[in-house]
N, C-alpha and C. Protein backbone atom coordinates (compact mmCIF):
# COMPACT_ATOMS: atom_id res chain seq x y z
N UNK A 1 7.94 16.17 12.68
CA UNK A 1 6.76 16.13 11.91
C UNK A 1 5.68 15.52 12.92
N UNK A 2 4.59 16.24 13.02
CA UNK A 2 3.53 15.83 13.86
C UNK A 2 2.77 14.60 13.34
N UNK A 3 1.92 14.00 14.19
CA UNK A 3 1.18 12.86 13.86
C UNK A 3 0.19 13.12 12.73
N UNK A 4 -0.45 14.19 12.69
CA UNK A 4 -1.48 14.49 11.72
C UNK A 4 -0.78 14.75 10.40
N UNK A 5 0.30 15.49 10.41
CA UNK A 5 1.06 15.75 9.21
C UNK A 5 1.60 14.44 8.57
N UNK A 6 2.06 13.54 9.47
CA UNK A 6 2.59 12.27 8.97
C UNK A 6 1.44 11.48 8.35
N UNK A 7 0.30 11.50 8.97
CA UNK A 7 -0.83 10.77 8.45
C UNK A 7 -1.26 11.29 7.09
N UNK A 8 -1.31 12.60 6.92
CA UNK A 8 -1.68 13.22 5.64
C UNK A 8 -0.60 12.91 4.58
N UNK A 9 0.66 12.86 5.04
CA UNK A 9 1.72 12.56 4.00
C UNK A 9 1.60 11.20 3.56
N UNK A 10 1.23 10.23 4.49
CA UNK A 10 1.08 8.87 4.08
C UNK A 10 -0.18 8.60 3.14
N UNK A 11 -1.24 9.27 3.46
CA UNK A 11 -2.41 9.19 2.59
C UNK A 11 -2.15 9.79 1.30
N UNK A 12 -1.47 10.94 1.26
CA UNK A 12 -1.08 11.56 -0.03
C UNK A 12 -0.21 10.75 -0.89
N UNK A 13 0.79 10.12 -0.34
CA UNK A 13 1.57 9.19 -1.02
C UNK A 13 0.93 7.98 -1.67
N UNK A 14 -0.03 7.44 -0.84
CA UNK A 14 -0.87 6.30 -1.37
C UNK A 14 -1.65 6.70 -2.50
N UNK A 15 -2.43 7.89 -2.41
CA UNK A 15 -3.27 8.32 -3.44
C UNK A 15 -2.43 8.70 -4.72
N UNK A 16 -1.31 9.21 -4.57
CA UNK A 16 -0.41 9.56 -5.69
C UNK A 16 -0.07 8.28 -6.40
N UNK A 17 0.47 7.37 -5.72
CA UNK A 17 0.90 6.07 -6.36
C UNK A 17 -0.25 5.29 -6.92
N UNK A 18 -1.39 5.25 -6.33
CA UNK A 18 -2.53 4.62 -6.85
C UNK A 18 -3.05 5.30 -8.07
N UNK A 19 -3.10 6.59 -7.98
CA UNK A 19 -3.54 7.40 -9.12
C UNK A 19 -2.70 7.22 -10.29
N UNK A 20 -1.37 7.22 -10.16
CA UNK A 20 -0.46 6.96 -11.24
C UNK A 20 -0.60 5.66 -11.87
N UNK A 21 -0.81 4.65 -10.99
CA UNK A 21 -0.99 3.20 -11.54
C UNK A 21 -2.21 3.17 -12.38
N UNK A 22 -3.33 3.71 -11.92
CA UNK A 22 -4.56 3.75 -12.71
C UNK A 22 -4.47 4.51 -13.95
N UNK A 23 -3.74 5.67 -13.98
CA UNK A 23 -3.61 6.56 -15.11
C UNK A 23 -2.67 6.03 -16.16
N UNK A 24 -1.60 5.36 -15.71
CA UNK A 24 -0.55 4.92 -16.58
C UNK A 24 -0.73 3.50 -17.16
N UNK A 25 -1.34 2.73 -16.40
CA UNK A 25 -1.54 1.27 -16.78
C UNK A 25 -2.84 0.66 -16.42
N UNK A 26 -3.99 1.23 -16.89
CA UNK A 26 -5.22 0.69 -16.48
C UNK A 26 -5.50 -0.76 -16.82
N UNK A 27 -4.97 -1.15 -17.90
CA UNK A 27 -5.23 -2.71 -18.25
C UNK A 27 -4.38 -3.59 -17.32
N UNK A 28 -3.20 -3.14 -16.89
CA UNK A 28 -2.44 -3.94 -15.96
C UNK A 28 -3.17 -4.04 -14.60
N UNK A 29 -3.93 -3.05 -14.21
CA UNK A 29 -4.73 -2.99 -13.01
C UNK A 29 -5.74 -4.14 -13.09
N UNK A 30 -6.45 -4.18 -14.20
CA UNK A 30 -7.49 -5.18 -14.50
C UNK A 30 -6.89 -6.57 -14.46
N UNK A 31 -5.68 -6.73 -14.99
CA UNK A 31 -4.99 -8.01 -14.92
C UNK A 31 -4.71 -8.47 -13.51
N UNK A 32 -4.22 -7.47 -12.73
CA UNK A 32 -3.92 -7.72 -11.31
C UNK A 32 -5.11 -8.05 -10.57
N UNK A 33 -6.25 -7.36 -10.81
CA UNK A 33 -7.49 -7.71 -10.04
C UNK A 33 -8.01 -9.04 -10.46
N UNK A 34 -7.78 -9.45 -11.72
CA UNK A 34 -8.18 -10.83 -12.22
C UNK A 34 -7.38 -11.87 -11.41
N UNK A 35 -6.07 -11.63 -11.36
CA UNK A 35 -5.18 -12.56 -10.63
C UNK A 35 -5.61 -12.63 -9.12
N UNK A 36 -5.91 -11.52 -8.52
CA UNK A 36 -6.37 -11.56 -7.12
C UNK A 36 -7.62 -12.37 -6.94
N UNK A 37 -8.56 -12.19 -7.89
CA UNK A 37 -9.86 -12.97 -7.86
C UNK A 37 -9.65 -14.51 -7.89
N UNK A 38 -8.52 -14.91 -8.65
CA UNK A 38 -8.30 -16.37 -8.77
C UNK A 38 -7.58 -16.87 -7.50
N UNK A 39 -7.05 -16.06 -6.70
CA UNK A 39 -6.36 -16.59 -5.51
C UNK A 39 -7.31 -17.03 -4.42
N UNK A 40 -7.06 -17.95 -3.70
CA UNK A 40 -7.96 -18.44 -2.59
C UNK A 40 -8.00 -17.28 -1.58
N UNK A 41 -9.09 -17.27 -0.84
CA UNK A 41 -9.30 -16.19 0.14
C UNK A 41 -8.24 -16.21 1.26
N UNK A 42 -7.81 -17.40 1.66
CA UNK A 42 -6.69 -17.53 2.69
C UNK A 42 -5.38 -16.85 2.15
N UNK A 43 -5.11 -17.03 0.90
CA UNK A 43 -3.85 -16.42 0.31
C UNK A 43 -3.98 -15.00 0.24
N UNK A 44 -5.13 -14.46 -0.13
CA UNK A 44 -5.37 -13.01 -0.08
C UNK A 44 -5.26 -12.39 1.23
N UNK A 45 -5.83 -13.13 2.24
CA UNK A 45 -5.72 -12.70 3.65
C UNK A 45 -4.26 -12.53 4.14
N UNK A 46 -3.58 -13.63 3.83
CA UNK A 46 -2.08 -13.65 4.19
C UNK A 46 -1.27 -12.55 3.48
N UNK A 47 -1.64 -12.24 2.21
CA UNK A 47 -0.99 -11.15 1.51
C UNK A 47 -1.28 -9.82 2.17
N UNK A 48 -2.58 -9.64 2.56
CA UNK A 48 -2.94 -8.42 3.29
C UNK A 48 -2.23 -8.28 4.62
N UNK A 49 -2.19 -9.31 5.39
CA UNK A 49 -1.42 -9.27 6.65
C UNK A 49 -0.02 -8.95 6.50
N UNK A 50 0.67 -9.56 5.47
CA UNK A 50 2.04 -9.30 5.15
C UNK A 50 2.29 -7.80 4.71
N UNK A 51 1.33 -7.34 3.88
CA UNK A 51 1.48 -5.96 3.49
C UNK A 51 1.31 -5.00 4.64
N UNK A 52 0.33 -5.27 5.46
CA UNK A 52 0.12 -4.46 6.68
C UNK A 52 1.38 -4.45 7.61
N UNK A 53 1.93 -5.58 7.82
CA UNK A 53 3.17 -5.68 8.65
C UNK A 53 4.35 -5.01 8.03
N UNK A 54 4.44 -5.16 6.76
CA UNK A 54 5.54 -4.41 6.03
C UNK A 54 5.41 -2.88 6.15
N UNK A 55 4.11 -2.44 5.99
CA UNK A 55 3.84 -1.05 6.10
C UNK A 55 4.16 -0.50 7.50
N UNK A 56 3.72 -1.25 8.47
CA UNK A 56 4.06 -0.77 9.88
C UNK A 56 5.45 -0.84 10.13
N UNK A 57 6.22 -1.84 9.57
CA UNK A 57 7.66 -1.82 9.81
C UNK A 57 8.32 -0.60 9.16
N UNK A 58 7.85 -0.20 7.94
CA UNK A 58 8.42 0.93 7.24
C UNK A 58 8.11 2.20 8.00
N UNK A 59 6.83 2.32 8.55
CA UNK A 59 6.58 3.50 9.34
C UNK A 59 7.45 3.56 10.58
N UNK A 60 7.64 2.44 11.26
CA UNK A 60 8.51 2.41 12.41
C UNK A 60 9.88 2.85 12.03
N UNK A 61 10.42 2.29 10.96
CA UNK A 61 11.75 2.61 10.52
C UNK A 61 11.94 4.03 10.17
N UNK A 62 10.93 4.61 9.49
CA UNK A 62 10.96 6.10 9.16
C UNK A 62 10.91 6.92 10.42
N UNK A 63 10.13 6.61 11.41
CA UNK A 63 10.05 7.33 12.68
C UNK A 63 11.42 7.16 13.45
N UNK A 64 12.03 5.98 13.41
CA UNK A 64 13.17 5.69 14.17
C UNK A 64 14.39 6.51 13.54
N UNK A 65 14.43 6.50 12.24
CA UNK A 65 15.60 7.12 11.53
C UNK A 65 15.42 8.69 11.63
N UNK A 66 14.21 9.23 11.80
CA UNK A 66 14.07 10.64 11.84
C UNK A 66 14.26 11.19 13.25
N UNK A 67 14.34 10.26 14.24
CA UNK A 67 14.43 10.72 15.68
C UNK A 67 15.86 11.10 16.00
């Protein structure tokens, strides 16, 4: 799978999951956003870094396993 196809696949998966979350549980999304607002900025930053690192690790693992 080429780089562009992999990028489009990733974006499509994110949009699908995000869309399902908003469609199936909109009030839970509001609750989650309220929770995030109450967290200190440093905690939100650390969660973002951890999520990005996990995402990169999963991409690497997927590429490694498909090779």
